[in-house]
Amino acid sequence: MPSPKTYMTKAEHARQHIQSMVLSGSVGPGDRITTREVSDALGISETPIREAIRSLASEGWLEVQNHIGAVVQGLRAPQIREISALRGLICGLAVELGAANFDTKRLAKIDENIEVSAEALDRDDFAAFGDRNLEFHLLLCDNPESPWCKRLLENMHGLMSAQRHGIAPQPQRLRDALKEHMAIRDKLHAGDFSAAAALVNQHEKNTGDFLIRMIGEVPEGGAARAT
């Protein structure tokens, strides 16, 4: 895993804050995000916040609308299919390109990640599971041979989050996702990187299909936010 940044710019701080608002479900599709509210929350000027908003808009988190400003952008089924397919291809490619990096130390970190993820689910700590889920995918992609795969995956982090659509965490899907992580881990332990990459692809497709189905069940006007 990469070492933590020792310094974060004001724009990066604002970007992280806005992303956390979306991922926590405190704002959802169509909700407006103003530079003033972020400025008040963080105690920084509005200039770096505008920079953060432009960056997030370019990546599909926000949409800047005339006479309204920045609003949280929801995703439609075709977009989710595209993003899930891209995530599967990118992460699967990283596994195959970085095969030599899945040594005993890396595999031990993946084993630990799965163990901690299971413990988080046992206590219904879905936020902790979400953190471990991101960590799992970074453990697959963070290789010297695949820096662009890692960067692209990080940029797409949260684009398929259920919370951004007002959908509360679904424990059964999270348990199924953990089983899929375990299957990927087992192929990595066996040194079958092609099979591991194929499972990563299927895992992302499963996630996309599930989200599309859940969005289809949300009543017109949106669902109640998760608390």
C-alpha atoms as a PDB file:
ATOM      1  CA  MET A   1       0.000   0.000   0.000  1.00  0.00           C
ATOM      2  CA  PRO A   2       1.244   3.526  -0.690  1.00  0.00           C
ATOM      3  CA  SER A   3       2.440   5.541   2.272  1.00  0.00           C
ATOM      4  CA  PRO A   4       0.092   8.348   3.374  1.00  0.00           C
ATOM      5  CA  LYS A   5       0.615  11.804   1.936  1.00  0.00           C
ATOM      6  CA  THR A   6       2.452  14.106   4.302  1.00  0.00           C
ATOM      7  CA  TYR A   7       0.767  17.172   2.798  1.00  0.00           C
ATOM      8  CA  MET A   8      -2.668  17.788   1.322  1.00  0.00           C
ATOM      9  CA  THR A   9      -3.516  20.919  -0.623  1.00  0.00           C
ATOM     10  CA  LYS A  10      -6.651  22.879   0.204  1.00  0.00           C
ATOM     11  CA  ALA A  11      -8.210  21.739  -3.068  1.00  0.00           C
ATOM     12  CA  GLU A  12      -7.464  18.098  -2.220  1.00  0.00           C
ATOM     13  CA  HIS A  13      -8.945  18.623   1.250  1.00  0.00           C
ATOM     14  CA  ALA A  14     -12.104  20.098  -0.287  1.00  0.00           C
ATOM     15  CA  ARG A  15     -12.301  17.291  -2.829  1.00  0.00           C
ATOM     16  CA  GLN A  16     -12.055  14.663  -0.098  1.00  0.00           C
ATOM     17  CA  HIS A  17     -14.729  16.426   1.953  1.00  0.00           C
ATOM     18  CA  ILE A  18     -17.181  16.580  -0.962  1.00  0.00           C
ATOM     19  CA  GLN A  19     -16.566  12.925  -1.824  1.00  0.00           C
ATOM     20  CA  SER A  20     -17.236  11.941   1.784  1.00  0.00           C
ATOM     21  CA  MET A  21     -20.534  13.856   1.672  1.00  0.00           C
ATOM     22  CA  VAL A  22     -21.587  11.837  -1.377  1.00  0.00           C
ATOM     23  CA  LEU A  23     -20.335   8.472  -0.123  1.00  0.00           C
ATOM     24  CA  SER A  24     -21.952   8.895   3.301  1.00  0.00           C
ATOM     25  CA  GLY A  25     -25.321   9.561   1.656  1.00  0.00           C
ATOM     26  CA  SER A  26     -25.650  12.990   3.269  1.00  0.00           C
ATOM     27  CA  VAL A  27     -26.181  14.364  -0.249  1.00  0.00           C
ATOM     28  CA  GLY A  28     -27.639  12.480  -3.187  1.00  0.00           C
ATOM     29  CA  PRO A  29     -28.295  12.831  -6.921  1.00  0.00           C
ATOM     30  CA  GLY A  30     -29.608  16.287  -7.774  1.00  0.00           C
ATOM     31  CA  ASP A  31     -28.587  17.825  -4.454  1.00  0.00           C
ATOM     32  CA  ARG A  32     -26.697  21.075  -4.734  1.00  0.00           C
ATOM     33  CA  ILE A  33     -23.237  21.566  -3.219  1.00  0.00           C
ATOM     34  CA  THR A  34     -22.245  25.195  -2.695  1.00  0.00           C
ATOM     35  CA  THR A  35     -18.773  26.570  -2.258  1.00  0.00           C
ATOM     36  CA  ARG A  36     -20.049  28.521   0.742  1.00  0.00           C
ATOM     37  CA  GLU A  37     -21.163  25.445   2.716  1.00  0.00           C
ATOM     38  CA  VAL A  38     -17.871  23.657   2.042  1.00  0.00           C
ATOM     39  CA  SER A  39     -15.949  26.820   2.932  1.00  0.00           C
ATOM     40  CA  ASP A  40     -17.833  27.105   6.219  1.00  0.00           C
ATOM     41  CA  ALA A  41     -17.260  23.421   7.019  1.00  0.00           C
ATOM     42  CA  LEU A  42     -13.531  23.467   6.290  1.00  0.00           C
ATOM     43  CA  GLY A  43     -12.604  27.042   7.088  1.00  0.00           C
ATOM     44  CA  ILE A  44     -10.906  27.638   3.747  1.00  0.00           C
ATOM     45  CA  SER A  45     -11.498  30.112   0.934  1.00  0.00           C
ATOM     46  CA  GLU A  46     -13.808  29.311  -1.984  1.00  0.00           C
ATOM     47  CA  THR A  47     -11.071  29.359  -4.658  1.00  0.00           C
ATOM     48  CA  PRO A  48      -9.629  25.869  -3.910  1.00  0.00           C
ATOM     49  CA  ILE A  49     -13.168  24.579  -3.472  1.00  0.00           C
ATOM     50  CA  ARG A  50     -14.013  25.666  -7.016  1.00  0.00           C
ATOM     51  CA  GLU A  51     -10.900  23.808  -8.179  1.00  0.00           C
ATOM     52  CA  ALA A  52     -12.079  20.681  -6.339  1.00  0.00           C
ATOM     53  CA  ILE A  53     -15.549  20.980  -7.880  1.00  0.00           C
ATOM     54  CA  ARG A  54     -14.099  21.259 -11.397  1.00  0.00           C
ATOM     55  CA  SER A  55     -11.991  18.168 -10.775  1.00  0.00           C
ATOM     56  CA  LEU A  56     -14.929  16.154  -9.426  1.00  0.00           C
ATOM     57  CA  ALA A  57     -17.143  17.281 -12.301  1.00  0.00           C
ATOM     58  CA  SER A  58     -14.576  16.034 -14.811  1.00  0.00           C
ATOM     59  CA  GLU A  59     -14.710  12.599 -13.161  1.00  0.00           C
ATOM     60  CA  GLY A  60     -18.501  12.294 -13.006  1.00  0.00           C
ATOM     61  CA  TRP A  61     -19.076  12.975  -9.315  1.00  0.00           C
ATOM     62  CA  LEU A  62     -20.707  16.360  -9.881  1.00  0.00           C
ATOM     63  CA  GLU A  63     -22.410  18.223 -12.688  1.00  0.00           C
ATOM     64  CA  VAL A  64     -22.098  21.979 -12.986  1.00  0.00           C
ATOM     65  CA  GLN A  65     -25.427  23.374 -14.210  1.00  0.00           C
ATOM     66  CA  ASN A  66     -26.089  26.895 -15.474  1.00  0.00           C
ATOM     67  CA  HIS A  67     -27.766  29.183 -12.902  1.00  0.00           C
ATOM     68  CA  ILE A  68     -27.674  26.372 -10.308  1.00  0.00           C
ATOM     69  CA  GLY A  69     -24.065  25.426  -9.694  1.00  0.00           C
ATOM     70  CA  ALA A  70     -22.649  22.044  -8.711  1.00  0.00           C
ATOM     71  CA  VAL A  71     -25.076  19.195  -8.114  1.00  0.00           C
ATOM     72  CA  VAL A  72     -24.403  15.555  -7.292  1.00  0.00           C
ATOM     73  CA  GLN A  73     -24.559  13.505 -10.467  1.00  0.00           C
ATOM     74  CA  GLY A  74     -26.430  10.224 -10.421  1.00  0.00           C
ATOM     75  CA  LEU A  75     -25.689   7.363 -12.775  1.00  0.00           C
ATOM     76  CA  ARG A  76     -27.950   5.623 -15.260  1.00  0.00           C
ATOM     77  CA  ALA A  77     -27.860   1.927 -16.088  1.00  0.00           C
ATOM     78  CA  PRO A  78     -25.731   2.260 -19.266  1.00  0.00           C
ATOM     79  CA  GLN A  79     -23.153   4.329 -17.378  1.00  0.00           C
ATOM     80  CA  ILE A  80     -23.008   1.812 -14.543  1.00  0.00           C
ATOM     81  CA  ARG A  81     -22.493  -1.045 -17.018  1.00  0.00           C
ATOM     82  CA  GLU A  82     -19.658   0.871 -18.657  1.00  0.00           C
ATOM     83  CA  ILE A  83     -17.982   1.794 -15.367  1.00  0.00           C
ATOM     84  CA  SER A  84     -18.264  -1.719 -13.926  1.00  0.00           C
ATOM     85  CA  ALA A  85     -16.826  -3.179 -17.148  1.00  0.00           C
ATOM     86  CA  LEU A  86     -13.955  -0.684 -17.092  1.00  0.00           C
ATOM     87  CA  ARG A  87     -13.199  -1.392 -13.433  1.00  0.00           C
ATOM     88  CA  GLY A  88     -13.127  -5.121 -14.133  1.00  0.00           C
ATOM     89  CA  LEU A  89     -10.830  -4.740 -17.139  1.00  0.00           C
ATOM     90  CA  ILE A  90      -8.515  -2.298 -15.374  1.00  0.00           C
ATOM     91  CA  CYS A  91      -8.185  -4.291 -12.162  1.00  0.00           C
ATOM     92  CA  GLY A  92      -7.891  -7.597 -14.024  1.00  0.00           C
ATOM     93  CA  LEU A  93      -5.137  -6.133 -16.213  1.00  0.00           C
ATOM     94  CA  ALA A  94      -3.289  -4.906 -13.123  1.00  0.00           C
ATOM     95  CA  VAL A  95      -3.383  -8.410 -11.639  1.00  0.00           C
ATOM     96  CA  GLU A  96      -1.866  -9.943 -14.764  1.00  0.00           C
ATOM     97  CA  LEU A  97       0.707  -7.189 -15.305  1.00  0.00           C
ATOM     98  CA  GLY A  98       1.726  -7.250 -11.650  1.00  0.00           C
ATOM     99  CA  ALA A  99       1.749 -11.019 -11.162  1.00  0.00           C
ATOM    100  CA  ALA A 100       5.322 -11.004  -9.854  1.00  0.00           C
ATOM    101  CA  ASN A 101       4.304  -8.709  -6.969  1.00  0.00           C
ATOM    102  CA  PHE A 102       1.910 -11.173  -5.361  1.00  0.00           C
ATOM    103  CA  ASP A 103       4.571 -12.547  -3.069  1.00  0.00           C
ATOM    104  CA  THR A 104       4.135 -13.924   0.445  1.00  0.00           C
ATOM    105  CA  LYS A 105       4.000 -10.442   1.969  1.00  0.00           C
ATOM    106  CA  ARG A 106       1.354  -9.134  -0.459  1.00  0.00           C
ATOM    107  CA  LEU A 107      -0.758 -12.271  -0.102  1.00  0.00           C
ATOM    108  CA  ALA A 108      -0.584 -11.964   3.687  1.00  0.00           C
ATOM    109  CA  LYS A 109      -1.928  -8.402   3.418  1.00  0.00           C
ATOM    110  CA  ILE A 110      -4.787  -9.644   1.235  1.00  0.00           C
ATOM    111  CA  ASP A 111      -5.557 -12.399   3.753  1.00  0.00           C
ATOM    112  CA  GLU A 112      -5.585  -9.818   6.555  1.00  0.00           C
ATOM    113  CA  ASN A 113      -7.827  -7.522   4.528  1.00  0.00           C
ATOM    114  CA  ILE A 114     -10.385 -10.295   4.048  1.00  0.00           C
ATOM    115  CA  GLU A 115     -10.281 -11.206   7.742  1.00  0.00           C
ATOM    116  CA  VAL A 116     -10.820  -7.597   8.841  1.00  0.00           C
ATOM    117  CA  SER A 117     -13.585  -7.197   6.228  1.00  0.00           C
ATOM    118  CA  ALA A 118     -15.410 -10.228   7.625  1.00  0.00           C
ATOM    119  CA  GLU A 119     -15.140  -8.839  11.156  1.00  0.00           C
ATOM    120  CA  ALA A 120     -16.578  -5.501   9.975  1.00  0.00           C
ATOM    121  CA  LEU A 121     -19.575  -7.282   8.432  1.00  0.00           C
ATOM    122  CA  ASP A 122     -20.109  -9.322  11.600  1.00  0.00           C
ATOM    123  CA  ARG A 123     -20.590  -6.105  13.559  1.00  0.00           C
ATOM    124  CA  ASP A 124     -22.544  -4.353  10.761  1.00  0.00           C
ATOM    125  CA  ASP A 125     -19.812  -1.728  10.369  1.00  0.00           C
ATOM    126  CA  PHE A 126     -20.486  -0.972   6.714  1.00  0.00           C
ATOM    127  CA  ALA A 127     -18.255   2.107   6.631  1.00  0.00           C
ATOM    128  CA  ALA A 128     -15.282   0.027   7.777  1.00  0.00           C
ATOM    129  CA  PHE A 129     -16.149  -2.620   5.190  1.00  0.00           C
ATOM    130  CA  GLY A 130     -16.195   0.053   2.487  1.00  0.00           C
ATOM    131  CA  ASP A 131     -12.705   1.176   3.480  1.00  0.00           C
ATOM    132  CA  ARG A 132     -11.430  -2.403   3.388  1.00  0.00           C
ATOM    133  CA  ASN A 133     -13.138  -2.960   0.026  1.00  0.00           C
ATOM    134  CA  LEU A 134     -11.181  -0.081  -1.500  1.00  0.00           C
ATOM    135  CA  GLU A 135      -8.009  -1.381   0.135  1.00  0.00           C
ATOM    136  CA  PHE A 136      -8.589  -4.832  -1.381  1.00  0.00           C
ATOM    137  CA  HIS A 137      -8.786  -3.432  -4.905  1.00  0.00           C
ATOM    138  CA  LEU A 138      -5.734  -1.247  -4.362  1.00  0.00           C
ATOM    139  CA  LEU A 139      -3.823  -4.313  -3.176  1.00  0.00           C
ATOM    140  CA  LEU A 140      -4.624  -5.849  -6.543  1.00  0.00           C
ATOM    141  CA  CYS A 141      -3.713  -2.770  -8.588  1.00  0.00           C
ATOM    142  CA  ASP A 142      -0.878  -1.041  -6.726  1.00  0.00           C
ATOM    143  CA  ASN A 143       2.020  -2.518  -8.710  1.00  0.00           C
ATOM    144  CA  PRO A 144       5.052  -0.888 -10.358  1.00  0.00           C
ATOM    145  CA  GLU A 145       3.861  -2.345 -13.662  1.00  0.00           C
ATOM    146  CA  SER A 146       0.342  -0.876 -13.404  1.00  0.00           C
ATOM    147  CA  PRO A 147       0.475   2.697 -12.029  1.00  0.00           C
ATOM    148  CA  TRP A 148      -2.162   3.913 -14.498  1.00  0.00           C
ATOM    149  CA  CYS A 149      -4.490   1.074 -13.545  1.00  0.00           C
ATOM    150  CA  LYS A 150      -4.246   2.165  -9.920  1.00  0.00           C
ATOM    151  CA  ARG A 151      -4.767   5.826 -10.796  1.00  0.00           C
ATOM    152  CA  LEU A 152      -7.821   5.083 -12.920  1.00  0.00           C
ATOM    153  CA  LEU A 153      -9.297   2.828 -10.248  1.00  0.00           C
ATOM    154  CA  GLU A 154      -8.861   5.532  -7.614  1.00  0.00           C
ATOM    155  CA  ASN A 155     -10.525   8.072  -9.904  1.00  0.00           C
ATOM    156  CA  MET A 156     -13.529   5.762 -10.289  1.00  0.00           C
ATOM    157  CA  HIS A 157     -13.732   5.044  -6.554  1.00  0.00           C
ATOM    158  CA  GLY A 158     -17.243   5.712  -5.363  1.00  0.00           C
ATOM    159  CA  LEU A 159     -18.773   6.210  -8.803  1.00  0.00           C
ATOM    160  CA  MET A 160     -20.848   3.075  -8.218  1.00  0.00           C
ATOM    161  CA  SER A 161     -21.529   3.687  -4.544  1.00  0.00           C
ATOM    162  CA  ALA A 162     -25.071   2.751  -3.549  1.00  0.00           C
ATOM    163  CA  GLN A 163     -25.152   5.578  -1.006  1.00  0.00           C
ATOM    164  CA  ARG A 164     -24.853   8.212  -3.727  1.00  0.00           C
ATOM    165  CA  HIS A 165     -28.239   6.969  -4.960  1.00  0.00           C
ATOM    166  CA  GLY A 166     -29.808   7.092  -1.493  1.00  0.00           C
ATOM    167  CA  ILE A 167     -29.609   3.305  -1.132  1.00  0.00           C
ATOM    168  CA  ALA A 168     -28.602   1.970   2.267  1.00  0.00           C
ATOM    169  CA  PRO A 169     -25.865  -0.700   2.456  1.00  0.00           C
ATOM    170  CA  GLN A 170     -27.223  -4.130   1.537  1.00  0.00           C
ATOM    171  CA  PRO A 171     -25.649  -6.733   3.884  1.00  0.00           C
ATOM    172  CA  GLN A 172     -26.326  -9.737   1.638  1.00  0.00           C
ATOM    173  CA  ARG A 173     -24.601  -8.148  -1.357  1.00  0.00           C
ATOM    174  CA  LEU A 174     -21.657  -7.189   0.854  1.00  0.00           C
ATOM    175  CA  ARG A 175     -21.367 -10.781   2.076  1.00  0.00           C
ATOM    176  CA  ASP A 176     -21.514 -12.023  -1.520  1.00  0.00           C
ATOM    177  CA  ALA A 177     -18.839  -9.485  -2.495  1.00  0.00           C
ATOM    178  CA  LEU A 178     -16.611 -10.749   0.303  1.00  0.00           C
ATOM    179  CA  LYS A 179     -17.000 -14.319  -0.981  1.00  0.00           C
ATOM    180  CA  GLU A 180     -15.961 -13.053  -4.415  1.00  0.00           C
ATOM    181  CA  HIS A 181     -12.889 -11.426  -2.837  1.00  0.00           C
ATOM    182  CA  MET A 182     -12.060 -14.764  -1.229  1.00  0.00           C
ATOM    183  CA  ALA A 183     -12.316 -16.567  -4.565  1.00  0.00           C
ATOM    184  CA  ILE A 184      -9.960 -14.021  -6.151  1.00  0.00           C
ATOM    185  CA  ARG A 185      -7.562 -14.434  -3.223  1.00  0.00           C
ATOM    186  CA  ASP A 186      -7.578 -18.206  -3.608  1.00  0.00           C
ATOM    187  CA  LYS A 187      -6.588 -17.949  -7.295  1.00  0.00           C
ATOM    188  CA  LEU A 188      -3.778 -15.553  -6.375  1.00  0.00           C
ATOM    189  CA  HIS A 189      -2.490 -18.013  -3.782  1.00  0.00           C
ATOM    190  CA  ALA A 190      -2.582 -20.728  -6.438  1.00  0.00           C
ATOM    191  CA  GLY A 191      -0.621 -18.508  -8.848  1.00  0.00           C
ATOM    192  CA  ASP A 192      -3.415 -18.608 -11.420  1.00  0.00           C
ATOM    193  CA  PHE A 193      -3.401 -14.914 -12.315  1.00  0.00           C
ATOM    194  CA  SER A 194      -5.459 -15.299 -15.477  1.00  0.00           C
ATOM    195  CA  ALA A 195      -8.260 -16.928 -13.477  1.00  0.00           C
ATOM    196  CA  ALA A 196      -7.948 -14.261 -10.771  1.00  0.00           C
ATOM    197  CA  ALA A 197      -8.304 -11.544 -13.418  1.00  0.00           C
ATOM    198  CA  ALA A 198     -11.407 -13.251 -14.828  1.00  0.00           C
ATOM    199  CA  LEU A 199     -12.936 -13.378 -11.335  1.00  0.00           C
ATOM    200  CA  VAL A 200     -12.193  -9.680 -10.829  1.00  0.00           C
ATOM    201  CA  ASN A 201     -14.049  -8.972 -14.060  1.00  0.00           C
ATOM    202  CA  GLN A 202     -17.054 -11.002 -12.925  1.00  0.00           C
ATOM    203  CA  HIS A 203     -16.961  -9.404  -9.468  1.00  0.00           C
ATOM    204  CA  GLU A 204     -17.262  -5.916 -10.954  1.00  0.00           C
ATOM    205  CA  LYS A 205     -20.050  -7.049 -13.294  1.00  0.00           C
ATOM    206  CA  ASN A 206     -21.927  -8.506 -10.318  1.00  0.00           C
ATOM    207  CA  THR A 207     -21.580  -5.215  -8.459  1.00  0.00           C
ATOM    208  CA  GLY A 208     -22.834  -3.220 -11.444  1.00  0.00           C
ATOM    209  CA  ASP A 209     -25.785  -5.544 -12.062  1.00  0.00           C
ATOM    210  CA  PHE A 210     -26.756  -5.354  -8.394  1.00  0.00           C
ATOM    211  CA  LEU A 211     -26.641  -1.561  -8.331  1.00  0.00           C
ATOM    212  CA  ILE A 212     -28.724  -1.313 -11.516  1.00  0.00           C
ATOM    213  CA  ARG A 213     -31.331  -3.601  -9.977  1.00  0.00           C
ATOM    214  CA  MET A 214     -31.407  -1.595  -6.736  1.00  0.00           C
ATOM    215  CA  ILE A 215     -31.722   1.744  -8.535  1.00  0.00           C
ATOM    216  CA  GLY A 216     -34.654   0.289 -10.455  1.00  0.00           C
ATOM    217  CA  GLU A 217     -36.375  -0.390  -7.130  1.00  0.00           C
ATOM    218  CA  VAL A 218     -35.947   3.165  -5.815  1.00  0.00           C
ATOM    219  CA  PRO A 219     -39.329   4.975  -5.896  1.00  0.00           C
ATOM    220  CA  GLU A 220     -39.695   8.100  -8.014  1.00  0.00           C
ATOM    221  CA  GLY A 221     -38.150  10.991  -6.131  1.00  0.00           C
ATOM    222  CA  GLY A 222     -35.500   8.862  -4.435  1.00  0.00           C
ATOM    223  CA  ALA A 223     -35.243   6.675  -1.375  1.00  0.00           C
ATOM    224  CA  ALA A 224     -34.692   7.615   2.215  1.00  0.00           C
ATOM    225  CA  ARG A 225     -31.039   8.253   2.983  1.00  0.00           C
ATOM    226  CA  ALA A 226     -29.050   5.766   5.021  1.00  0.00           C
ATOM    227  CA  THR A 227     -28.382   6.848   8.573  1.00  0.00           C
END
